[in-house]
Amino acid sequence: MQLKSIVLGGLVASMVIGMWEMVLEQFIGNGFWSPVVYIAATVLRDLQGVATPVPFGLIPVVLGLMGHMMNSVILGIIFALIARRLAGTPTGLAGLGAVYGVVVFLAMWFAVLPLIDPVMLRLNGLVFLLGHMMWGIGLGLVLGWTAGTQTQLREQHA
């Protein structure tokens, strides 16, 4: 898998989970901006006590989006390193991605967030879990699709 494909997969997957989280957290009552502002609270510590529904703030939203996409790409690289040894088809990558998403959720929810960003635990846990599964599936599908496209291009030019 090429780095460009992995980065694309991470960015697309970040949009999948991001929009899922933002829309559902709005309906739950935390506010549309809560997921990205909570991510920004990792750095902007005064946001650990932000009121709900979380209001829009340019700096927290931009910082949260940057952190979210950066993490998604980094986790996408890790997934690609694992997946290239375990799954060879787009369906296999999507399934493995769903499992990877659950593993990422468990690590984040129970180990990382309580230590570095506890305000994120205000998010709905089930929504967060399902979002991570969707993130992993999206990542796997994009990686499978781009790998298939690259293979087809190589075969056409051979």
N, C-alpha and C. Protein backbone atom coordinates (compact mmCIF):
# COMPACT_ATOMS: atom_id res chain seq x y z
N MET A 1 0.84 -1.19 0.00
CA MET A 1 0.00 0.00 0.00
C MET A 1 0.88 1.24 0.00
N GLN A 2 0.52 2.19 -0.80
CA GLN A 2 1.28 3.42 -0.88
C GLN A 2 0.84 4.39 0.22
N LEU A 3 1.79 5.20 0.67
CA LEU A 3 1.50 6.17 1.73
C LEU A 3 0.35 7.09 1.34
N LYS A 4 0.30 7.50 0.07
CA LYS A 4 -0.77 8.39 -0.39
C LYS A 4 -2.14 7.73 -0.17
N SER A 5 -2.25 6.44 -0.45
CA SER A 5 -3.51 5.71 -0.25
C SER A 5 -3.86 5.61 1.23
N ILE A 6 -2.85 5.40 2.05
CA ILE A 6 -3.08 5.27 3.49
C ILE A 6 -3.54 6.60 4.08
N VAL A 7 -2.90 7.69 3.66
CA VAL A 7 -3.31 9.02 4.13
C VAL A 7 -4.74 9.31 3.68
N LEU A 8 -5.04 9.02 2.42
CA LEU A 8 -6.41 9.21 1.92
C LEU A 8 -7.40 8.39 2.74
N GLY A 9 -7.06 7.14 3.00
CA GLY A 9 -7.94 6.29 3.81
C GLY A 9 -8.16 6.86 5.20
N GLY A 10 -7.10 7.33 5.83
CA GLY A 10 -7.23 7.93 7.15
C GLY A 10 -8.09 9.18 7.15
N LEU A 11 -7.93 10.01 6.12
CA LEU A 11 -8.72 11.25 6.04
C LEU A 11 -10.20 10.95 5.75
N VAL A 12 -10.46 10.03 4.83
CA VAL A 12 -11.85 9.68 4.54
C VAL A 12 -12.50 9.06 5.78
N ALA A 13 -11.79 8.16 6.43
CA ALA A 13 -12.33 7.53 7.64
C ALA A 13 -12.58 8.56 8.73
N SER A 14 -11.71 9.57 8.82
CA SER A 14 -11.91 10.61 9.84
C SER A 14 -13.17 11.41 9.57
N MET A 15 -13.50 11.60 8.29
CA MET A 15 -14.75 12.30 7.96
C MET A 15 -15.96 11.45 8.31
N VAL A 16 -15.86 10.14 8.10
CA VAL A 16 -16.97 9.24 8.43
C VAL A 16 -17.29 9.32 9.92
N ILE A 17 -16.30 9.09 10.76
CA ILE A 17 -16.57 9.11 12.21
C ILE A 17 -16.88 10.52 12.68
N GLY A 18 -16.22 11.51 12.10
CA GLY A 18 -16.44 12.89 12.53
C GLY A 18 -17.88 13.33 12.33
N MET A 19 -18.40 13.11 11.14
CA MET A 19 -19.78 13.53 10.87
C MET A 19 -20.77 12.70 11.68
N TRP A 20 -20.52 11.42 11.81
CA TRP A 20 -21.38 10.55 12.64
C TRP A 20 -21.44 11.09 14.06
N GLU A 21 -20.29 11.34 14.64
CA GLU A 21 -20.23 11.83 16.02
C GLU A 21 -20.90 13.20 16.16
N MET A 22 -20.59 14.11 15.26
CA MET A 22 -21.10 15.47 15.39
C MET A 22 -22.62 15.51 15.27
N VAL A 23 -23.16 14.79 14.31
CA VAL A 23 -24.61 14.80 14.12
C VAL A 23 -25.31 14.13 15.31
N LEU A 24 -24.83 12.97 15.71
CA LEU A 24 -25.52 12.27 16.81
C LEU A 24 -25.34 12.98 18.15
N GLU A 25 -24.19 13.57 18.39
CA GLU A 25 -24.02 14.30 19.65
C GLU A 25 -24.92 15.53 19.69
N GLN A 26 -25.22 16.12 18.54
CA GLN A 26 -26.19 17.22 18.49
C GLN A 26 -27.56 16.72 18.96
N PHE A 27 -27.99 15.58 18.43
CA PHE A 27 -29.30 15.03 18.81
C PHE A 27 -29.34 14.59 20.27
N ILE A 28 -28.21 14.10 20.79
CA ILE A 28 -28.15 13.65 22.17
C ILE A 28 -28.19 14.83 23.14
N GLY A 29 -27.70 15.99 22.69
CA GLY A 29 -27.74 17.18 23.52
C GLY A 29 -26.40 17.75 23.90
N ASN A 30 -25.31 17.08 23.49
CA ASN A 30 -23.98 17.62 23.80
C ASN A 30 -23.59 18.75 22.87
N GLY A 31 -24.23 18.84 21.73
CA GLY A 31 -23.94 19.89 20.76
C GLY A 31 -23.13 19.37 19.59
N PHE A 32 -23.38 19.96 18.44
CA PHE A 32 -22.73 19.56 17.19
C PHE A 32 -21.21 19.64 17.29
N TRP A 33 -20.71 20.65 17.96
CA TRP A 33 -19.27 20.89 18.01
C TRP A 33 -18.57 20.11 19.12
N SER A 34 -19.32 19.41 19.95
CA SER A 34 -18.72 18.76 21.12
C SER A 34 -17.56 17.81 20.79
N PRO A 35 -17.67 16.91 19.81
CA PRO A 35 -16.54 16.00 19.59
C PRO A 35 -15.22 16.71 19.28
N VAL A 36 -15.26 17.70 18.38
CA VAL A 36 -14.00 18.36 18.01
C VAL A 36 -13.50 19.29 19.11
N VAL A 37 -14.39 19.92 19.82
CA VAL A 37 -13.96 20.77 20.94
C VAL A 37 -13.38 19.90 22.06
N TYR A 38 -13.98 18.74 22.30
CA TYR A 38 -13.43 17.83 23.31
C TYR A 38 -12.04 17.35 22.91
N ILE A 39 -11.80 17.14 21.62
CA ILE A 39 -10.47 16.76 21.17
C ILE A 39 -9.49 17.91 21.43
N ALA A 40 -9.91 19.12 21.15
CA ALA A 40 -9.05 20.29 21.40
C ALA A 40 -8.74 20.44 22.89
N ALA A 41 -9.61 19.93 23.74
CA ALA A 41 -9.40 20.02 25.19
C ALA A 41 -8.17 19.26 25.65
N THR A 42 -7.64 18.41 24.80
CA THR A 42 -6.38 17.73 25.12
C THR A 42 -5.27 18.75 25.29
N VAL A 43 -5.31 19.80 24.48
CA VAL A 43 -4.28 20.85 24.50
C VAL A 43 -4.78 22.08 25.25
N LEU A 44 -6.00 22.51 24.97
CA LEU A 44 -6.59 23.68 25.62
C LEU A 44 -7.31 23.20 26.88
N ARG A 45 -6.57 23.09 27.96
CA ARG A 45 -7.05 22.42 29.17
C ARG A 45 -8.27 23.08 29.81
N ASP A 46 -8.48 24.38 29.60
CA ASP A 46 -9.65 25.02 30.19
C ASP A 46 -10.95 24.47 29.58
N LEU A 47 -10.87 23.81 28.43
CA LEU A 47 -12.05 23.22 27.80
C LEU A 47 -12.49 21.93 28.48
N GLN A 48 -11.70 21.43 29.42
CA GLN A 48 -12.11 20.24 30.16
C GLN A 48 -13.42 20.50 30.91
N GLY A 49 -13.72 21.75 31.20
CA GLY A 49 -14.95 22.10 31.92
C GLY A 49 -15.99 22.78 31.05
N VAL A 50 -15.89 22.64 29.73
CA VAL A 50 -16.82 23.32 28.82
C VAL A 50 -18.26 22.88 29.09
N ALA A 51 -19.18 23.85 29.00
CA ALA A 51 -20.60 23.56 29.23
C ALA A 51 -21.21 22.89 28.01
N THR A 52 -22.29 22.16 28.25
CA THR A 52 -23.04 21.57 27.14
C THR A 52 -24.38 22.26 27.02
N PRO A 53 -24.92 22.41 25.84
CA PRO A 53 -24.30 22.02 24.58
C PRO A 53 -23.08 22.87 24.29
N VAL A 54 -22.09 22.23 23.71
CA VAL A 54 -20.81 22.88 23.45
C VAL A 54 -20.98 23.91 22.33
N PRO A 55 -20.59 25.16 22.59
CA PRO A 55 -20.72 26.20 21.55
C PRO A 55 -19.57 26.13 20.54
N PHE A 56 -19.79 26.76 19.39
CA PHE A 56 -18.74 26.88 18.39
C PHE A 56 -17.68 27.85 18.87
N GLY A 57 -16.44 27.49 18.67
CA GLY A 57 -15.30 28.37 18.89
C GLY A 57 -14.28 28.08 17.80
N LEU A 58 -13.87 29.07 17.06
CA LEU A 58 -13.02 28.85 15.90
C LEU A 58 -11.74 28.10 16.25
N ILE A 59 -11.01 28.57 17.24
CA ILE A 59 -9.73 27.94 17.58
C ILE A 59 -9.94 26.51 18.08
N PRO A 60 -10.85 26.26 19.02
CA PRO A 60 -11.05 24.86 19.44
C PRO A 60 -11.51 23.95 18.30
N VAL A 61 -12.40 24.44 17.44
CA VAL A 61 -12.88 23.60 16.34
C VAL A 61 -11.76 23.28 15.36
N VAL A 62 -10.98 24.27 14.97
CA VAL A 62 -9.88 24.04 14.02
C VAL A 62 -8.83 23.12 14.66
N LEU A 63 -8.46 23.38 15.90
CA LEU A 63 -7.48 22.55 16.58
C LEU A 63 -8.00 21.11 16.75
N GLY A 64 -9.26 20.98 17.10
CA GLY A 64 -9.85 19.65 17.26
C GLY A 64 -9.90 18.89 15.95
N LEU A 65 -10.26 19.56 14.86
CA LEU A 65 -10.28 18.90 13.55
C LEU A 65 -8.88 18.47 13.13
N MET A 66 -7.90 19.32 13.39
CA MET A 66 -6.52 18.97 13.04
C MET A 66 -6.06 17.75 13.83
N GLY A 67 -6.33 17.74 15.12
CA GLY A 67 -5.95 16.61 15.95
C GLY A 67 -6.66 15.33 15.53
N HIS A 68 -7.94 15.47 15.23
CA HIS A 68 -8.75 14.33 14.81
C HIS A 68 -8.21 13.70 13.52
N MET A 69 -7.94 14.54 12.52
CA MET A 69 -7.44 14.02 11.25
C MET A 69 -6.03 13.47 11.38
N MET A 70 -5.19 14.13 12.17
CA MET A 70 -3.83 13.65 12.37
C MET A 70 -3.85 12.27 13.04
N ASN A 71 -4.66 12.12 14.07
CA ASN A 71 -4.76 10.82 14.74
C ASN A 71 -5.28 9.75 13.80
N SER A 72 -6.25 10.11 12.98
CA SER A 72 -6.81 9.14 12.04
C SER A 72 -5.77 8.67 11.04
N VAL A 73 -4.95 9.56 10.55
CA VAL A 73 -3.90 9.17 9.61
C VAL A 73 -2.85 8.30 10.31
N ILE A 74 -2.44 8.67 11.51
CA ILE A 74 -1.45 7.87 12.25
C ILE A 74 -2.00 6.47 12.52
N LEU A 75 -3.24 6.39 12.99
CA LEU A 75 -3.84 5.08 13.24
C LEU A 75 -4.07 4.32 11.93
N GLY A 76 -4.29 5.04 10.84
CA GLY A 76 -4.41 4.42 9.53
C GLY A 76 -3.10 3.79 9.07
N ILE A 77 -2.00 4.45 9.35
CA ILE A 77 -0.68 3.89 9.01
C ILE A 77 -0.45 2.60 9.79
N ILE A 78 -0.76 2.62 11.08
CA ILE A 78 -0.61 1.42 11.90
C ILE A 78 -1.48 0.30 11.36
N PHE A 79 -2.73 0.63 11.01
CA PHE A 79 -3.63 -0.37 10.44
C PHE A 79 -3.06 -0.96 9.15
N ALA A 80 -2.55 -0.12 8.28
CA ALA A 80 -2.01 -0.59 7.01
C ALA A 80 -0.84 -1.54 7.22
N LEU A 81 -0.01 -1.25 8.21
CA LEU A 81 1.12 -2.14 8.51
C LEU A 81 0.65 -3.50 8.99
N ILE A 82 -0.43 -3.51 9.77
CA ILE A 82 -1.00 -4.77 10.26
C ILE A 82 -1.77 -5.48 9.16
N ALA A 83 -2.60 -4.73 8.46
CA ALA A 83 -3.56 -5.30 7.51
C ALA A 83 -2.89 -5.94 6.30
N ARG A 84 -1.78 -5.40 5.86
CA ARG A 84 -1.16 -5.95 4.65
C ARG A 84 -0.71 -7.39 4.87
N ARG A 85 -0.58 -7.80 6.12
CA ARG A 85 -0.18 -9.17 6.43
C ARG A 85 -1.37 -10.09 6.66
N LEU A 86 -2.54 -9.50 6.93
CA LEU A 86 -3.69 -10.31 7.35
C LEU A 86 -4.85 -10.36 6.37
N ALA A 87 -5.01 -9.34 5.56
CA ALA A 87 -6.18 -9.29 4.68
C ALA A 87 -5.75 -8.89 3.28
N GLY A 88 -6.29 -9.59 2.29
CA GLY A 88 -5.89 -9.31 0.93
C GLY A 88 -7.00 -8.77 0.05
N THR A 89 -8.24 -8.81 0.53
CA THR A 89 -9.36 -8.36 -0.29
C THR A 89 -9.99 -7.11 0.34
N PRO A 90 -10.70 -6.32 -0.45
CA PRO A 90 -11.39 -5.17 0.14
C PRO A 90 -12.38 -5.56 1.25
N THR A 91 -13.08 -6.68 1.05
CA THR A 91 -14.01 -7.14 2.10
C THR A 91 -13.25 -7.53 3.36
N GLY A 92 -12.13 -8.21 3.17
CA GLY A 92 -11.30 -8.59 4.31
C GLY A 92 -10.75 -7.38 5.04
N LEU A 93 -10.33 -6.38 4.27
CA LEU A 93 -9.83 -5.15 4.88
C LEU A 93 -10.93 -4.41 5.64
N ALA A 94 -12.15 -4.41 5.10
CA ALA A 94 -13.26 -3.75 5.79
C ALA A 94 -13.57 -4.47 7.10
N GLY A 95 -13.60 -5.80 7.07
CA GLY A 95 -13.87 -6.57 8.28
C GLY A 95 -12.77 -6.38 9.31
N LEU A 96 -11.54 -6.44 8.87
CA LEU A 96 -10.41 -6.22 9.77
C LEU A 96 -10.44 -4.80 10.31
N GLY A 97 -10.85 -3.86 9.46
CA GLY A 97 -10.97 -2.46 9.89
C GLY A 97 -12.00 -2.30 10.99
N ALA A 98 -13.13 -3.00 10.89
CA ALA A 98 -14.15 -2.93 11.94
C ALA A 98 -13.59 -3.42 13.27
N VAL A 99 -12.86 -4.53 13.22
CA VAL A 99 -12.24 -5.07 14.44
C VAL A 99 -11.21 -4.09 14.98
N TYR A 100 -10.40 -3.53 14.10
CA TYR A 100 -9.38 -2.55 14.50
C TYR A 100 -10.05 -1.32 15.13
N GLY A 101 -11.17 -0.89 14.57
CA GLY A 101 -11.90 0.23 15.13
C GLY A 101 -12.36 -0.05 16.56
N VAL A 102 -12.81 -1.27 16.82
CA VAL A 102 -13.22 -1.64 18.18
C VAL A 102 -12.02 -1.62 19.12
N VAL A 103 -10.89 -2.13 18.65
CA VAL A 103 -9.67 -2.13 19.48
C VAL A 103 -9.25 -0.70 19.80
N VAL A 104 -9.29 0.18 18.78
CA VAL A 104 -8.94 1.59 19.00
C VAL A 104 -9.92 2.21 20.01
N PHE A 105 -11.22 1.94 19.85
CA PHE A 105 -12.21 2.45 20.79
C PHE A 105 -11.88 2.01 22.21
N LEU A 106 -11.65 0.71 22.42
CA LEU A 106 -11.38 0.20 23.76
C LEU A 106 -10.15 0.85 24.38
N ALA A 107 -9.10 1.00 23.58
CA ALA A 107 -7.88 1.64 24.08
C ALA A 107 -8.14 3.10 24.44
N MET A 108 -8.87 3.80 23.56
CA MET A 108 -9.15 5.21 23.81
C MET A 108 -10.06 5.38 25.04
N TRP A 109 -11.17 4.67 25.06
CA TRP A 109 -12.20 4.87 26.07
C TRP A 109 -11.74 4.50 27.47
N PHE A 110 -10.98 3.39 27.56
CA PHE A 110 -10.63 2.87 28.88
C PHE A 110 -9.21 3.20 29.34
N ALA A 111 -8.33 3.59 28.43
CA ALA A 111 -6.95 3.85 28.84
C ALA A 111 -6.50 5.28 28.54
N VAL A 112 -6.67 5.73 27.31
CA VAL A 112 -6.11 7.02 26.90
C VAL A 112 -6.93 8.19 27.41
N LEU A 113 -8.23 8.20 27.11
CA LEU A 113 -9.06 9.36 27.46
C LEU A 113 -9.12 9.66 28.96
N PRO A 114 -9.29 8.66 29.81
CA PRO A 114 -9.32 9.00 31.24
C PRO A 114 -8.05 9.70 31.73
N LEU A 115 -6.93 9.42 31.07
CA LEU A 115 -5.66 10.01 31.48
C LEU A 115 -5.40 11.37 30.86
N ILE A 116 -5.70 11.54 29.57
CA ILE A 116 -5.27 12.77 28.90
C ILE A 116 -6.41 13.69 28.47
N ASP A 117 -7.64 13.18 28.37
CA ASP A 117 -8.74 14.03 27.89
C ASP A 117 -10.08 13.53 28.43
N PRO A 118 -10.26 13.56 29.76
CA PRO A 118 -11.47 12.98 30.35
C PRO A 118 -12.78 13.62 29.89
N VAL A 119 -12.77 14.85 29.41
CA VAL A 119 -14.01 15.48 28.96
C VAL A 119 -14.62 14.69 27.79
N MET A 120 -13.80 13.99 27.03
CA MET A 120 -14.33 13.20 25.91
C MET A 120 -15.22 12.06 26.37
N LEU A 121 -15.10 11.68 27.62
CA LEU A 121 -15.96 10.62 28.14
C LEU A 121 -17.40 11.09 28.31
N ARG A 122 -17.67 12.37 28.05
CA ARG A 122 -19.04 12.87 28.01
C ARG A 122 -19.77 12.41 26.74
N LEU A 123 -19.00 12.03 25.72
CA LEU A 123 -19.62 11.53 24.50
C LEU A 123 -20.37 10.25 24.82
N ASN A 124 -21.38 9.96 24.03
CA ASN A 124 -22.13 8.72 24.21
C ASN A 124 -21.24 7.54 23.83
N GLY A 125 -21.04 6.62 24.76
CA GLY A 125 -20.12 5.50 24.54
C GLY A 125 -20.52 4.61 23.38
N LEU A 126 -21.81 4.30 23.24
CA LEU A 126 -22.27 3.45 22.14
C LEU A 126 -22.06 4.14 20.80
N VAL A 127 -22.38 5.41 20.73
CA VAL A 127 -22.18 6.18 19.49
C VAL A 127 -20.70 6.20 19.14
N PHE A 128 -19.85 6.38 20.15
CA PHE A 128 -18.40 6.41 19.95
C PHE A 128 -17.89 5.06 19.46
N LEU A 129 -18.39 3.97 20.04
CA LEU A 129 -18.01 2.63 19.61
C LEU A 129 -18.43 2.38 18.16
N LEU A 130 -19.70 2.65 17.85
CA LEU A 130 -20.18 2.44 16.48
C LEU A 130 -19.42 3.33 15.49
N GLY A 131 -19.11 4.54 15.91
CA GLY A 131 -18.33 5.44 15.06
C GLY A 131 -16.95 4.87 14.76
N HIS A 132 -16.32 4.27 15.75
CA HIS A 132 -15.01 3.68 15.52
C HIS A 132 -15.09 2.46 14.61
N MET A 133 -16.16 1.70 14.73
CA MET A 133 -16.34 0.58 13.80
C MET A 133 -16.50 1.10 12.38
N MET A 134 -17.33 2.13 12.22
CA MET A 134 -17.53 2.74 10.89
C MET A 134 -16.22 3.33 10.38
N TRP A 135 -15.45 3.94 11.27
CA TRP A 135 -14.14 4.49 10.90
C TRP A 135 -13.26 3.38 10.33
N GLY A 136 -13.19 2.26 11.03
CA GLY A 136 -12.35 1.15 10.58
C GLY A 136 -12.82 0.55 9.27
N ILE A 137 -14.13 0.42 9.12
CA ILE A 137 -14.68 -0.10 7.86
C ILE A 137 -14.34 0.86 6.71
N GLY A 138 -14.54 2.15 6.94
CA GLY A 138 -14.21 3.13 5.91
C GLY A 138 -12.74 3.09 5.54
N LEU A 139 -11.89 2.99 6.55
CA LEU A 139 -10.44 2.91 6.31
C LEU A 139 -10.12 1.67 5.48
N GLY A 140 -10.66 0.53 5.87
CA GLY A 140 -10.41 -0.70 5.13
C GLY A 140 -10.92 -0.65 3.71
N LEU A 141 -12.11 -0.08 3.51
CA LEU A 141 -12.67 0.01 2.16
C LEU A 141 -11.83 0.90 1.26
N VAL A 142 -11.41 2.04 1.78
CA VAL A 142 -10.58 2.94 0.96
C VAL A 142 -9.25 2.28 0.63
N LEU A 143 -8.63 1.63 1.61
CA LEU A 143 -7.35 0.96 1.34
C LEU A 143 -7.53 -0.17 0.33
N GLY A 144 -8.62 -0.92 0.46
CA GLY A 144 -8.90 -1.99 -0.49
C GLY A 144 -9.18 -1.46 -1.88
N TRP A 145 -9.95 -0.40 -1.95
CA TRP A 145 -10.27 0.20 -3.25
C TRP A 145 -9.02 0.76 -3.92
N THR A 146 -8.21 1.50 -3.17
CA THR A 146 -7.02 2.10 -3.77
C THR A 146 -6.01 1.03 -4.15
N ALA A 147 -5.90 -0.03 -3.36
CA ALA A 147 -4.98 -1.12 -3.70
C ALA A 147 -5.44 -1.81 -4.99
N GLY A 148 -6.75 -2.02 -5.12
CA GLY A 148 -7.30 -2.63 -6.33
C GLY A 148 -7.10 -1.74 -7.54
N THR A 149 -7.28 -0.45 -7.37
CA THR A 149 -7.08 0.50 -8.46
C THR A 149 -5.62 0.52 -8.90
N GLN A 150 -4.72 0.50 -7.92
CA GLN A 150 -3.29 0.50 -8.24
C GLN A 150 -2.90 -0.77 -8.98
N THR A 151 -3.46 -1.92 -8.56
CA THR A 151 -3.17 -3.19 -9.22
C THR A 151 -3.66 -3.16 -10.67
N GLN A 152 -4.87 -2.64 -10.88
CA GLN A 152 -5.43 -2.55 -12.23
C GLN A 152 -4.59 -1.64 -13.10
N LEU A 153 -4.13 -0.53 -12.58
CA LEU A 153 -3.28 0.38 -13.35
C LEU A 153 -1.97 -0.28 -13.73
N ARG A 154 -1.37 -1.00 -12.79
CA ARG A 154 -0.11 -1.69 -13.08
C ARG A 154 -0.31 -2.74 -14.18
N GLU A 155 -1.43 -3.47 -14.10
CA GLU A 155 -1.70 -4.51 -15.10
C GLU A 155 -1.95 -3.89 -16.48
N GLN A 156 -2.60 -2.74 -16.54
CA GLN A 156 -2.88 -2.08 -17.81
C GLN A 156 -1.59 -1.56 -18.47
N HIS A 157 -0.62 -1.16 -17.66
CA HIS A 157 0.61 -0.58 -18.19
C HIS A 157 1.72 -1.63 -18.35
N ALA A 158 1.43 -2.86 -18.04
CA ALA A 158 2.46 -3.91 -18.15
C ALA A 158 2.51 -4.50 -19.54
